[in-house]
């Protein structure tokens, strides 16, 4: 089974791309969703975050205060590294578990925003990059998350650069146009991925 890793910077359009692949009948494993599931109350990863980073990142109901934690890790590289050391191995384990149930599919899409940073690149056969100009990313993330430009730029700076992602990409979707143009690129790649099958065959 061909495993395609979908990556891209924040607000580059990964969700719209993965949703269109899903509409075409392709299974999508989203590591961001897995990450959210792993930090639900009572889960070991949340307990580790509480222990290593502090109880101030839990709200009154014992849930992770994402907004507070996000601000903290972007201001504190040491805390970001600690969080990654908790989450990345657990995400990898759960991703492998889900992949094992999809072995009869022609190909599967793994959505990994931090593919360069997370060490999950070894799990995929091809890397699909969704790319957009940084100015567009900043405008989109400010609008989407109701944050200011300074905070948006800080998030971008903490991620791999466009050039770093481009270096590992086998395929690129340019997302600076309209939705129809984006979907056309997805459909073209869908046909291509169906045609190449498993590269290890």
N, C-alpha and C. Protein backbone atom coordinates (compact mmCIF):
# COMPACT_ATOMS: atom_id res chain seq x y z
N UNK A 1 0.84 -1.20 0.00
CA UNK A 1 0.00 0.00 0.00
C UNK A 1 0.88 1.25 0.00
N UNK A 2 0.58 2.15 -0.92
CA UNK A 2 1.32 3.41 -1.02
C UNK A 2 0.89 4.34 0.12
N UNK A 3 1.87 4.89 0.83
CA UNK A 3 1.58 5.82 1.92
C UNK A 3 2.08 7.21 1.52
N UNK A 4 1.13 8.13 1.40
CA UNK A 4 1.46 9.51 0.99
C UNK A 4 1.38 10.41 2.21
N UNK A 5 2.47 11.09 2.52
CA UNK A 5 2.49 12.02 3.65
C UNK A 5 2.16 13.42 3.19
N UNK A 6 1.06 13.96 3.70
CA UNK A 6 0.64 15.31 3.34
C UNK A 6 1.14 16.29 4.40
N UNK A 7 1.90 17.29 3.95
CA UNK A 7 2.43 18.26 4.90
C UNK A 7 2.30 19.67 4.32
N UNK A 8 2.64 20.65 5.14
CA UNK A 8 2.55 22.05 4.74
C UNK A 8 2.49 22.91 5.98
N UNK A 9 2.81 24.18 5.83
CA UNK A 9 2.79 25.09 6.96
C UNK A 9 1.38 25.36 7.44
N UNK A 10 1.29 26.06 8.55
CA UNK A 10 -0.01 26.40 9.12
C UNK A 10 -0.81 27.23 8.10
N UNK A 11 -2.10 26.93 7.98
CA UNK A 11 -3.02 27.66 7.10
C UNK A 11 -2.60 27.62 5.63
N UNK A 12 -1.92 26.54 5.24
CA UNK A 12 -1.52 26.42 3.83
C UNK A 12 -2.64 25.78 2.99
N UNK A 13 -3.58 25.10 3.67
CA UNK A 13 -4.70 24.48 2.95
C UNK A 13 -4.73 22.96 3.05
N UNK A 14 -4.02 22.40 4.03
CA UNK A 14 -3.94 20.94 4.17
C UNK A 14 -5.31 20.31 4.40
N UNK A 15 -6.15 20.97 5.21
CA UNK A 15 -7.46 20.39 5.53
C UNK A 15 -8.32 20.28 4.28
N UNK A 16 -8.35 21.32 3.47
CA UNK A 16 -9.16 21.29 2.24
C UNK A 16 -8.65 20.21 1.29
N UNK A 17 -7.33 20.06 1.21
CA UNK A 17 -6.74 19.03 0.35
C UNK A 17 -7.09 17.64 0.86
N UNK A 18 -6.91 17.40 2.15
CA UNK A 18 -7.20 16.07 2.70
C UNK A 18 -8.69 15.75 2.62
N UNK A 19 -9.54 16.77 2.80
CA UNK A 19 -10.99 16.55 2.68
C UNK A 19 -11.36 16.12 1.27
N UNK A 20 -10.68 16.69 0.27
CA UNK A 20 -11.01 16.33 -1.12
C UNK A 20 -10.53 14.92 -1.44
N UNK A 21 -9.37 14.53 -0.93
CA UNK A 21 -8.91 13.14 -1.08
C UNK A 21 -9.93 12.19 -0.44
N UNK A 22 -10.45 12.58 0.73
CA UNK A 22 -11.44 11.74 1.41
C UNK A 22 -12.71 11.62 0.58
N UNK A 23 -13.13 12.73 -0.05
CA UNK A 23 -14.31 12.68 -0.92
C UNK A 23 -14.10 11.75 -2.12
N UNK A 24 -12.84 11.57 -2.50
CA UNK A 24 -12.51 10.67 -3.61
C UNK A 24 -12.39 9.21 -3.14
N UNK A 25 -12.65 8.99 -1.84
CA UNK A 25 -12.68 7.63 -1.31
C UNK A 25 -11.38 7.14 -0.71
N UNK A 26 -10.45 8.04 -0.49
CA UNK A 26 -9.14 7.65 0.05
C UNK A 26 -9.12 7.80 1.57
N UNK A 27 -8.66 6.76 2.30
CA UNK A 27 -8.58 6.88 3.76
C UNK A 27 -7.57 7.95 4.16
N UNK A 28 -7.95 8.74 5.15
CA UNK A 28 -7.08 9.82 5.64
C UNK A 28 -6.81 9.59 7.13
N UNK A 29 -5.54 9.56 7.48
CA UNK A 29 -5.14 9.50 8.89
C UNK A 29 -4.53 10.85 9.22
N UNK A 30 -5.17 11.60 10.11
CA UNK A 30 -4.74 12.95 10.44
C UNK A 30 -4.04 12.94 11.81
N UNK A 31 -2.72 13.21 11.80
CA UNK A 31 -1.98 13.14 13.06
C UNK A 31 -2.35 14.26 14.03
N UNK A 32 -2.91 15.37 13.51
CA UNK A 32 -3.39 16.43 14.41
C UNK A 32 -4.58 15.93 15.23
N UNK A 33 -5.47 15.18 14.54
CA UNK A 33 -6.64 14.62 15.25
C UNK A 33 -6.19 13.58 16.26
N UNK A 34 -5.21 12.76 15.87
CA UNK A 34 -4.66 11.76 16.81
C UNK A 34 -4.08 12.47 18.03
N UNK A 35 -3.34 13.55 17.77
CA UNK A 35 -2.72 14.32 18.85
C UNK A 35 -3.77 14.83 19.84
N UNK A 36 -4.91 15.32 19.30
CA UNK A 36 -5.98 15.81 20.17
C UNK A 36 -6.59 14.68 21.00
N UNK A 37 -6.74 13.50 20.37
CA UNK A 37 -7.30 12.35 21.08
C UNK A 37 -6.37 11.88 22.20
N UNK A 38 -5.07 11.99 21.96
CA UNK A 38 -4.08 11.52 22.94
C UNK A 38 -4.03 12.36 24.21
N UNK A 39 -4.56 13.60 24.13
CA UNK A 39 -4.51 14.46 25.32
C UNK A 39 -5.89 14.67 25.95
N UNK A 40 -6.80 13.74 25.65
CA UNK A 40 -8.11 13.77 26.33
C UNK A 40 -7.90 13.45 27.82
N UNK A 41 -8.80 13.92 28.70
CA UNK A 41 -8.67 13.62 30.12
C UNK A 41 -8.54 12.12 30.39
N UNK A 42 -7.60 11.79 31.26
CA UNK A 42 -7.38 10.39 31.62
C UNK A 42 -6.35 9.68 30.75
N UNK A 43 -5.96 10.29 29.64
CA UNK A 43 -4.97 9.64 28.75
C UNK A 43 -3.56 9.87 29.29
N UNK A 44 -2.66 8.86 29.10
CA UNK A 44 -1.29 8.97 29.64
C UNK A 44 -0.53 10.22 29.16
N UNK A 45 -0.73 10.61 27.90
CA UNK A 45 0.00 11.77 27.38
C UNK A 45 -0.37 13.05 28.13
N UNK A 46 -1.65 13.19 28.48
CA UNK A 46 -2.08 14.38 29.23
C UNK A 46 -1.46 14.38 30.63
N UNK A 47 -1.39 13.20 31.22
CA UNK A 47 -0.79 13.09 32.55
C UNK A 47 0.70 13.47 32.52
N UNK A 48 1.38 13.07 31.43
CA UNK A 48 2.80 13.42 31.27
C UNK A 48 2.98 14.92 31.08
N UNK A 49 2.07 15.54 30.30
CA UNK A 49 2.14 16.99 30.09
C UNK A 49 1.95 17.72 31.42
N UNK A 50 0.98 17.25 32.18
CA UNK A 50 0.70 17.84 33.49
C UNK A 50 1.92 17.72 34.41
N UNK A 51 2.55 16.56 34.37
CA UNK A 51 3.69 16.29 35.25
C UNK A 51 4.92 17.11 34.83
N UNK A 52 5.18 17.17 33.51
CA UNK A 52 6.42 17.81 33.04
C UNK A 52 6.29 19.31 32.83
N UNK A 53 5.12 19.77 32.41
CA UNK A 53 4.97 21.19 32.08
C UNK A 53 4.16 21.98 33.12
N UNK A 54 3.38 21.26 33.93
CA UNK A 54 2.66 21.94 35.00
C UNK A 54 1.15 21.89 34.87
N UNK A 55 0.47 21.97 36.02
CA UNK A 55 -0.99 21.87 36.07
C UNK A 55 -1.70 23.11 35.52
N UNK A 56 -0.95 24.20 35.35
CA UNK A 56 -1.57 25.44 34.87
C UNK A 56 -2.10 25.31 33.44
N UNK A 57 -1.70 24.22 32.75
CA UNK A 57 -2.15 24.04 31.37
C UNK A 57 -3.43 23.20 31.27
N UNK A 58 -4.00 22.88 32.43
CA UNK A 58 -5.30 22.20 32.46
C UNK A 58 -6.36 23.19 32.92
N UNK A 59 -7.56 23.08 32.32
CA UNK A 59 -8.64 23.97 32.75
C UNK A 59 -9.36 23.37 33.96
N UNK A 60 -10.43 24.00 34.38
CA UNK A 60 -11.14 23.56 35.59
C UNK A 60 -11.77 22.18 35.43
N UNK A 61 -12.00 21.75 34.18
CA UNK A 61 -12.58 20.42 33.94
C UNK A 61 -11.50 19.36 33.70
N UNK A 62 -10.23 19.74 33.85
CA UNK A 62 -9.14 18.79 33.65
C UNK A 62 -8.77 18.57 32.20
N UNK A 63 -9.23 19.48 31.34
CA UNK A 63 -8.88 19.38 29.92
C UNK A 63 -7.69 20.28 29.62
N UNK A 64 -6.99 19.95 28.54
CA UNK A 64 -5.83 20.74 28.14
C UNK A 64 -6.27 22.12 27.65
N UNK A 65 -5.64 23.15 28.20
CA UNK A 65 -5.88 24.51 27.74
C UNK A 65 -4.92 24.76 26.56
N UNK A 66 -5.42 24.47 25.36
CA UNK A 66 -4.57 24.51 24.16
C UNK A 66 -4.00 25.90 23.89
N UNK A 67 -4.85 26.90 24.08
CA UNK A 67 -4.42 28.27 23.77
C UNK A 67 -3.24 28.68 24.66
N UNK A 68 -3.36 28.38 25.94
CA UNK A 68 -2.31 28.73 26.90
C UNK A 68 -1.03 27.93 26.61
N UNK A 69 -1.20 26.64 26.34
CA UNK A 69 -0.05 25.79 26.06
C UNK A 69 0.65 26.23 24.77
N UNK A 70 -0.14 26.56 23.74
CA UNK A 70 0.44 26.96 22.46
C UNK A 70 1.30 28.23 22.64
N UNK A 71 0.75 29.18 23.38
CA UNK A 71 1.51 30.43 23.62
C UNK A 71 2.81 30.12 24.38
N UNK A 72 2.73 29.23 25.37
CA UNK A 72 3.89 28.89 26.19
C UNK A 72 4.97 28.21 25.36
N UNK A 73 4.60 27.25 24.51
CA UNK A 73 5.63 26.51 23.78
C UNK A 73 6.27 27.34 22.66
N UNK A 74 5.52 28.33 22.15
CA UNK A 74 6.14 29.18 21.13
C UNK A 74 7.06 30.23 21.76
N UNK A 75 6.88 30.48 23.05
CA UNK A 75 7.78 31.40 23.75
C UNK A 75 8.92 30.65 24.45
N UNK A 76 8.82 29.33 24.49
CA UNK A 76 9.76 28.54 25.29
C UNK A 76 10.17 27.26 24.52
N UNK A 77 11.28 27.31 23.77
CA UNK A 77 11.72 26.16 22.96
C UNK A 77 11.93 24.87 23.77
N UNK A 78 12.36 25.03 25.02
CA UNK A 78 12.59 23.86 25.88
C UNK A 78 11.28 23.13 26.16
N UNK A 79 10.23 23.91 26.42
CA UNK A 79 8.91 23.33 26.68
C UNK A 79 8.36 22.68 25.42
N UNK A 80 8.62 23.31 24.26
CA UNK A 80 8.15 22.74 23.00
C UNK A 80 8.80 21.38 22.76
N UNK A 81 10.09 21.29 23.05
CA UNK A 81 10.82 20.02 22.88
C UNK A 81 10.26 18.96 23.82
N UNK A 82 9.97 19.34 25.05
CA UNK A 82 9.41 18.40 26.03
C UNK A 82 8.06 17.87 25.55
N UNK A 83 7.23 18.78 25.01
CA UNK A 83 5.92 18.38 24.50
C UNK A 83 6.07 17.42 23.31
N UNK A 84 7.00 17.73 22.41
CA UNK A 84 7.24 16.87 21.24
C UNK A 84 7.70 15.48 21.68
N UNK A 85 8.55 15.43 22.71
CA UNK A 85 9.05 14.13 23.20
C UNK A 85 7.94 13.28 23.81
N UNK A 86 6.91 13.93 24.31
CA UNK A 86 5.75 13.21 24.85
C UNK A 86 4.85 12.73 23.71
N UNK A 87 4.54 13.65 22.77
CA UNK A 87 3.52 13.37 21.77
C UNK A 87 4.00 12.58 20.55
N UNK A 88 5.18 12.90 20.02
CA UNK A 88 5.59 12.28 18.75
C UNK A 88 5.66 10.75 18.79
N UNK A 89 6.26 10.14 19.83
CA UNK A 89 6.28 8.66 19.85
C UNK A 89 4.87 8.06 19.95
N UNK A 90 4.00 8.71 20.73
CA UNK A 90 2.62 8.21 20.90
C UNK A 90 1.84 8.35 19.59
N UNK A 91 2.06 9.46 18.87
CA UNK A 91 1.39 9.67 17.58
C UNK A 91 1.85 8.61 16.59
N UNK A 92 3.14 8.33 16.57
CA UNK A 92 3.68 7.33 15.64
C UNK A 92 3.07 5.95 15.91
N UNK A 93 3.00 5.58 17.16
CA UNK A 93 2.44 4.28 17.55
C UNK A 93 0.98 4.13 17.10
N UNK A 94 0.19 5.17 17.35
CA UNK A 94 -1.23 5.13 16.99
C UNK A 94 -1.40 5.15 15.46
N UNK A 95 -0.55 5.90 14.77
CA UNK A 95 -0.61 5.95 13.30
C UNK A 95 -0.31 4.58 12.70
N UNK A 96 0.72 3.91 13.24
CA UNK A 96 1.06 2.57 12.76
C UNK A 96 -0.09 1.59 12.98
N UNK A 97 -0.74 1.72 14.12
CA UNK A 97 -1.88 0.86 14.44
C UNK A 97 -3.01 1.05 13.42
N UNK A 98 -3.30 2.31 13.08
CA UNK A 98 -4.38 2.59 12.11
C UNK A 98 -3.99 2.16 10.69
N UNK A 99 -2.72 2.31 10.35
CA UNK A 99 -2.26 1.89 9.02
C UNK A 99 -2.43 0.39 8.82
N UNK A 100 -2.18 -0.37 9.89
CA UNK A 100 -2.26 -1.83 9.78
C UNK A 100 -3.66 -2.32 9.42
N UNK A 101 -4.66 -1.49 9.69
CA UNK A 101 -6.05 -1.87 9.37
C UNK A 101 -6.45 -1.47 7.95
N UNK A 102 -5.53 -0.84 7.22
CA UNK A 102 -5.88 -0.31 5.89
C UNK A 102 -5.04 -0.94 4.77
N UNK A 103 -4.47 -2.10 5.02
CA UNK A 103 -3.50 -2.66 4.08
C UNK A 103 -4.06 -3.04 2.72
N UNK A 104 -5.39 -3.16 2.60
CA UNK A 104 -5.97 -3.55 1.31
C UNK A 104 -6.32 -2.33 0.44
N UNK A 105 -6.12 -1.13 0.97
CA UNK A 105 -6.43 0.10 0.22
C UNK A 105 -5.35 0.36 -0.84
N UNK A 106 -5.70 1.02 -1.98
CA UNK A 106 -4.69 1.32 -2.99
C UNK A 106 -3.62 2.28 -2.48
N UNK A 107 -4.07 3.29 -1.74
CA UNK A 107 -3.12 4.17 -1.06
C UNK A 107 -3.84 4.87 0.09
N UNK A 108 -3.04 5.43 0.99
CA UNK A 108 -3.59 6.12 2.16
C UNK A 108 -2.89 7.46 2.30
N UNK A 109 -3.61 8.44 2.82
CA UNK A 109 -3.05 9.77 3.02
C UNK A 109 -2.79 9.97 4.51
N UNK A 110 -1.53 10.27 4.85
CA UNK A 110 -1.17 10.58 6.23
C UNK A 110 -0.97 12.08 6.33
N UNK A 111 -1.82 12.77 7.07
CA UNK A 111 -1.67 14.22 7.23
C UNK A 111 -0.73 14.47 8.41
N UNK A 112 0.46 14.97 8.09
CA UNK A 112 1.47 15.22 9.13
C UNK A 112 2.01 16.64 8.97
N UNK A 113 1.37 17.63 9.61
CA UNK A 113 1.82 19.02 9.46
C UNK A 113 3.31 19.19 9.76
N UNK A 114 3.80 18.51 10.80
CA UNK A 114 5.21 18.64 11.20
C UNK A 114 6.04 17.45 10.69
N UNK A 115 5.87 17.11 9.43
CA UNK A 115 6.57 15.94 8.87
C UNK A 115 8.08 16.09 8.97
N UNK A 116 8.58 17.29 8.69
CA UNK A 116 10.02 17.53 8.75
C UNK A 116 10.51 17.42 10.20
N UNK A 117 9.73 17.99 11.13
CA UNK A 117 10.17 18.10 12.52
C UNK A 117 9.92 16.84 13.35
N UNK A 118 8.93 16.03 12.97
CA UNK A 118 8.45 14.96 13.85
C UNK A 118 9.18 13.63 13.71
N UNK A 119 9.96 13.48 12.65
CA UNK A 119 10.63 12.20 12.43
C UNK A 119 9.71 11.13 11.87
N UNK A 120 8.53 11.53 11.36
CA UNK A 120 7.58 10.55 10.81
C UNK A 120 7.79 10.34 9.30
N UNK A 121 8.76 11.01 8.72
CA UNK A 121 8.98 10.90 7.27
C UNK A 121 9.28 9.46 6.85
N UNK A 122 9.93 8.72 7.74
CA UNK A 122 10.29 7.33 7.42
C UNK A 122 9.06 6.44 7.25
N UNK A 123 7.90 6.92 7.69
CA UNK A 123 6.68 6.11 7.60
C UNK A 123 6.00 6.22 6.23
N UNK A 124 6.40 7.20 5.41
CA UNK A 124 5.69 7.43 4.15
C UNK A 124 6.57 7.11 2.94
N UNK A 125 5.89 6.80 1.81
CA UNK A 125 6.60 6.51 0.56
C UNK A 125 6.81 7.76 -0.29
N UNK A 126 5.84 8.66 -0.22
CA UNK A 126 5.93 9.92 -0.96
C UNK A 126 5.48 11.07 -0.07
N UNK A 127 6.04 12.25 -0.32
CA UNK A 127 5.66 13.44 0.44
C UNK A 127 4.94 14.40 -0.49
N UNK A 128 3.72 14.79 -0.10
CA UNK A 128 2.94 15.77 -0.83
C UNK A 128 2.90 17.06 -0.02
N UNK A 129 3.43 18.11 -0.60
CA UNK A 129 3.49 19.41 0.07
C UNK A 129 2.39 20.33 -0.44
N UNK A 130 1.62 20.90 0.49
CA UNK A 130 0.68 21.97 0.14
C UNK A 130 1.41 23.27 0.44
N UNK A 131 1.62 24.07 -0.59
CA UNK A 131 2.44 25.27 -0.44
C UNK A 131 1.62 26.53 -0.71
N UNK A 132 1.91 27.57 0.06
CA UNK A 132 1.25 28.87 -0.13
C UNK A 132 2.24 29.94 0.30
N UNK A 133 2.18 31.13 -0.31
CA UNK A 133 3.07 32.22 0.12
C UNK A 133 2.87 32.54 1.61
N UNK A 134 3.96 32.88 2.28
CA UNK A 134 3.87 33.13 3.73
C UNK A 134 2.91 34.26 4.07
N UNK A 135 2.86 35.28 3.23
CA UNK A 135 1.95 36.41 3.50
C UNK A 135 0.49 35.94 3.52
N UNK A 136 0.20 34.97 2.66
CA UNK A 136 -1.15 34.40 2.59
C UNK A 136 -1.42 33.54 3.83
N UNK A 137 -0.42 32.77 4.25
CA UNK A 137 -0.55 31.94 5.46
C UNK A 137 -0.85 32.82 6.67
N UNK A 138 -0.09 33.91 6.81
CA UNK A 138 -0.27 34.82 7.96
C UNK A 138 -1.68 35.39 7.97
N UNK A 139 -2.13 35.86 6.80
CA UNK A 139 -3.48 36.44 6.71
C UNK A 139 -4.54 35.41 7.06
N UNK A 140 -4.37 34.18 6.56
CA UNK A 140 -5.36 33.13 6.82
C UNK A 140 -5.40 32.74 8.30
N UNK A 141 -4.22 32.58 8.91
CA UNK A 141 -4.20 32.11 10.30
C UNK A 141 -4.69 33.21 11.25
N UNK A 142 -4.43 34.48 10.93
CA UNK A 142 -4.96 35.58 11.75
C UNK A 142 -6.48 35.57 11.72
N UNK A 143 -7.03 35.34 10.51
CA UNK A 143 -8.48 35.33 10.34
C UNK A 143 -9.09 34.10 11.02
N UNK A 144 -8.44 32.96 10.83
CA UNK A 144 -8.99 31.69 11.34
C UNK A 144 -8.94 31.60 12.87
N UNK A 145 -7.79 31.98 13.44
CA UNK A 145 -7.58 31.79 14.88
C UNK A 145 -7.76 33.06 15.71
N UNK A 146 -8.15 34.16 15.04
CA UNK A 146 -8.33 35.45 15.73
C UNK A 146 -7.09 35.84 16.54
N UNK A 147 -5.94 35.79 15.87
CA UNK A 147 -4.68 36.20 16.52
C UNK A 147 -4.08 37.34 15.72
N UNK A 148 -3.08 38.01 16.30
CA UNK A 148 -2.47 39.12 15.56
C UNK A 148 -1.32 38.62 14.69
N UNK A 149 -0.84 39.49 13.82
CA UNK A 149 0.21 39.12 12.86
C UNK A 149 1.47 38.64 13.55
N UNK A 150 1.82 39.30 14.65
CA UNK A 150 3.05 38.96 15.37
C UNK A 150 3.02 37.50 15.85
N UNK A 151 1.89 37.10 16.42
CA UNK A 151 1.76 35.73 16.91
C UNK A 151 1.76 34.74 15.75
N UNK A 152 1.09 35.11 14.66
CA UNK A 152 1.05 34.24 13.47
C UNK A 152 2.46 34.04 12.91
N UNK A 153 3.23 35.12 12.86
CA UNK A 153 4.60 35.03 12.34
C UNK A 153 5.49 34.18 13.25
N UNK A 154 5.22 34.24 14.56
CA UNK A 154 5.98 33.44 15.51
C UNK A 154 5.71 31.94 15.30
N UNK A 155 4.44 31.61 15.01
CA UNK A 155 4.07 30.21 14.73
C UNK A 155 4.79 29.74 13.47
N UNK A 156 4.78 30.56 12.44
CA UNK A 156 5.45 30.21 11.18
C UNK A 156 6.95 30.01 11.40
N UNK A 157 7.55 30.89 12.21
CA UNK A 157 8.99 30.82 12.46
C UNK A 157 9.38 29.54 13.21
N UNK A 158 8.44 29.01 14.01
CA UNK A 158 8.73 27.80 14.78
C UNK A 158 8.64 26.52 13.94
N UNK A 159 8.03 26.65 12.75
CA UNK A 159 7.88 25.49 11.87
C UNK A 159 9.03 25.45 10.87
N UNK A 160 9.13 24.32 10.18
CA UNK A 160 10.12 24.20 9.10
C UNK A 160 9.82 25.27 8.05
N UNK A 161 10.86 25.73 7.37
CA UNK A 161 10.67 26.76 6.34
C UNK A 161 10.10 26.14 5.07
N UNK A 162 9.61 27.01 4.18
CA UNK A 162 9.08 26.52 2.89
C UNK A 162 10.16 25.77 2.13
N UNK A 163 11.38 26.28 2.17
CA UNK A 163 12.47 25.63 1.43
C UNK A 163 12.83 24.27 2.03
N UNK A 164 12.77 24.16 3.36
CA UNK A 164 13.04 22.86 4.02
C UNK A 164 11.99 21.83 3.61
N UNK A 165 10.73 22.27 3.55
CA UNK A 165 9.67 21.34 3.13
C UNK A 165 9.82 20.98 1.66
N UNK A 166 10.15 21.98 0.84
CA UNK A 166 10.31 21.73 -0.60
C UNK A 166 11.39 20.69 -0.86
N UNK A 167 12.42 20.66 -0.02
CA UNK A 167 13.53 19.71 -0.19
C UNK A 167 13.09 18.26 -0.03
N UNK A 168 12.05 18.02 0.77
CA UNK A 168 11.63 16.63 1.00
C UNK A 168 10.39 16.25 0.18
N UNK A 169 9.84 17.23 -0.57
CA UNK A 169 8.57 16.98 -1.29
C UNK A 169 8.79 16.25 -2.60
N UNK A 170 7.96 15.23 -2.83
CA UNK A 170 7.93 14.55 -4.14
C UNK A 170 6.90 15.22 -5.05
N UNK A 171 5.83 15.71 -4.44
CA UNK A 171 4.74 16.35 -5.19
C UNK A 171 4.34 17.62 -4.46
N UNK A 172 3.91 18.63 -5.23
CA UNK A 172 3.54 19.92 -4.63
C UNK A 172 2.18 20.37 -5.16
N UNK A 173 1.31 20.79 -4.25
CA UNK A 173 0.06 21.46 -4.62
C UNK A 173 0.21 22.93 -4.27
N UNK A 174 0.06 23.78 -5.25
CA UNK A 174 0.14 25.24 -5.03
C UNK A 174 -1.24 25.74 -4.61
N UNK A 175 -1.32 26.34 -3.43
CA UNK A 175 -2.61 26.81 -2.94
C UNK A 175 -2.62 28.33 -2.80
N UNK A 176 -2.47 29.00 -3.93
CA UNK A 176 -2.58 30.46 -3.89
C UNK A 176 -3.72 30.93 -4.79
N UNK A 177 -4.44 29.96 -5.38
CA UNK A 177 -5.56 30.28 -6.27
C UNK A 177 -6.89 30.03 -5.60
N UNK A 178 -7.88 29.59 -6.40
CA UNK A 178 -9.21 29.35 -5.83
C UNK A 178 -9.42 27.87 -5.51
N UNK A 179 -10.57 27.57 -4.92
CA UNK A 179 -10.88 26.21 -4.48
C UNK A 179 -10.92 25.23 -5.64
N UNK A 180 -11.47 25.64 -6.76
CA UNK A 180 -11.56 24.76 -7.93
C UNK A 180 -10.16 24.36 -8.43
N UNK A 181 -9.24 25.32 -8.46
CA UNK A 181 -7.87 25.02 -8.89
C UNK A 181 -7.21 24.03 -7.93
N UNK A 182 -7.49 24.20 -6.65
CA UNK A 182 -6.94 23.31 -5.63
C UNK A 182 -7.45 21.89 -5.84
N UNK A 183 -8.76 21.76 -6.03
CA UNK A 183 -9.37 20.44 -6.20
C UNK A 183 -8.90 19.75 -7.49
N UNK A 184 -8.67 20.53 -8.53
CA UNK A 184 -8.17 19.95 -9.79
C UNK A 184 -6.79 19.33 -9.58
N UNK A 185 -5.95 19.99 -8.80
CA UNK A 185 -4.61 19.46 -8.51
C UNK A 185 -4.72 18.16 -7.70
N UNK A 186 -5.66 18.12 -6.76
CA UNK A 186 -5.88 16.91 -5.95
C UNK A 186 -6.30 15.75 -6.86
N UNK A 187 -7.25 16.01 -7.75
CA UNK A 187 -7.77 14.95 -8.63
C UNK A 187 -6.71 14.41 -9.57
N UNK A 188 -5.84 15.27 -10.04
CA UNK A 188 -4.73 14.85 -10.91
C UNK A 188 -3.77 13.92 -10.14
N UNK A 189 -3.45 14.32 -8.91
CA UNK A 189 -2.56 13.49 -8.08
C UNK A 189 -3.22 12.19 -7.68
N UNK A 190 -4.52 12.22 -7.43
CA UNK A 190 -5.27 11.02 -7.08
C UNK A 190 -5.10 9.95 -8.18
N UNK A 191 -5.28 10.36 -9.43
CA UNK A 191 -5.10 9.44 -10.56
C UNK A 191 -3.67 8.91 -10.61
N UNK A 192 -2.72 9.80 -10.37
CA UNK A 192 -1.30 9.41 -10.39
C UNK A 192 -1.00 8.38 -9.30
N UNK A 193 -1.47 8.64 -8.07
CA UNK A 193 -1.21 7.72 -6.97
C UNK A 193 -1.85 6.36 -7.21
N UNK A 194 -3.04 6.35 -7.80
CA UNK A 194 -3.69 5.08 -8.13
C UNK A 194 -2.86 4.31 -9.15
N UNK A 195 -2.21 5.05 -10.06
CA UNK A 195 -1.46 4.40 -11.15
C UNK A 195 -0.13 3.82 -10.70
N UNK A 196 0.47 4.42 -9.65
CA UNK A 196 1.81 3.93 -9.28
C UNK A 196 1.77 2.82 -8.23
N UNK A 197 0.64 2.70 -7.51
CA UNK A 197 0.51 1.60 -6.55
C UNK A 197 1.61 1.61 -5.50
N UNK A 198 1.93 0.45 -5.03
CA UNK A 198 2.94 0.33 -3.98
C UNK A 198 4.33 0.36 -4.60
N UNK A 199 5.17 1.35 -4.25
CA UNK A 199 6.49 1.46 -4.87
C UNK A 199 7.42 0.30 -4.55
N UNK A 200 7.08 -0.49 -3.51
CA UNK A 200 7.96 -1.61 -3.16
C UNK A 200 7.64 -2.87 -3.95
N UNK A 201 6.53 -2.85 -4.72
CA UNK A 201 6.16 -4.03 -5.52
C UNK A 201 7.15 -4.25 -6.65
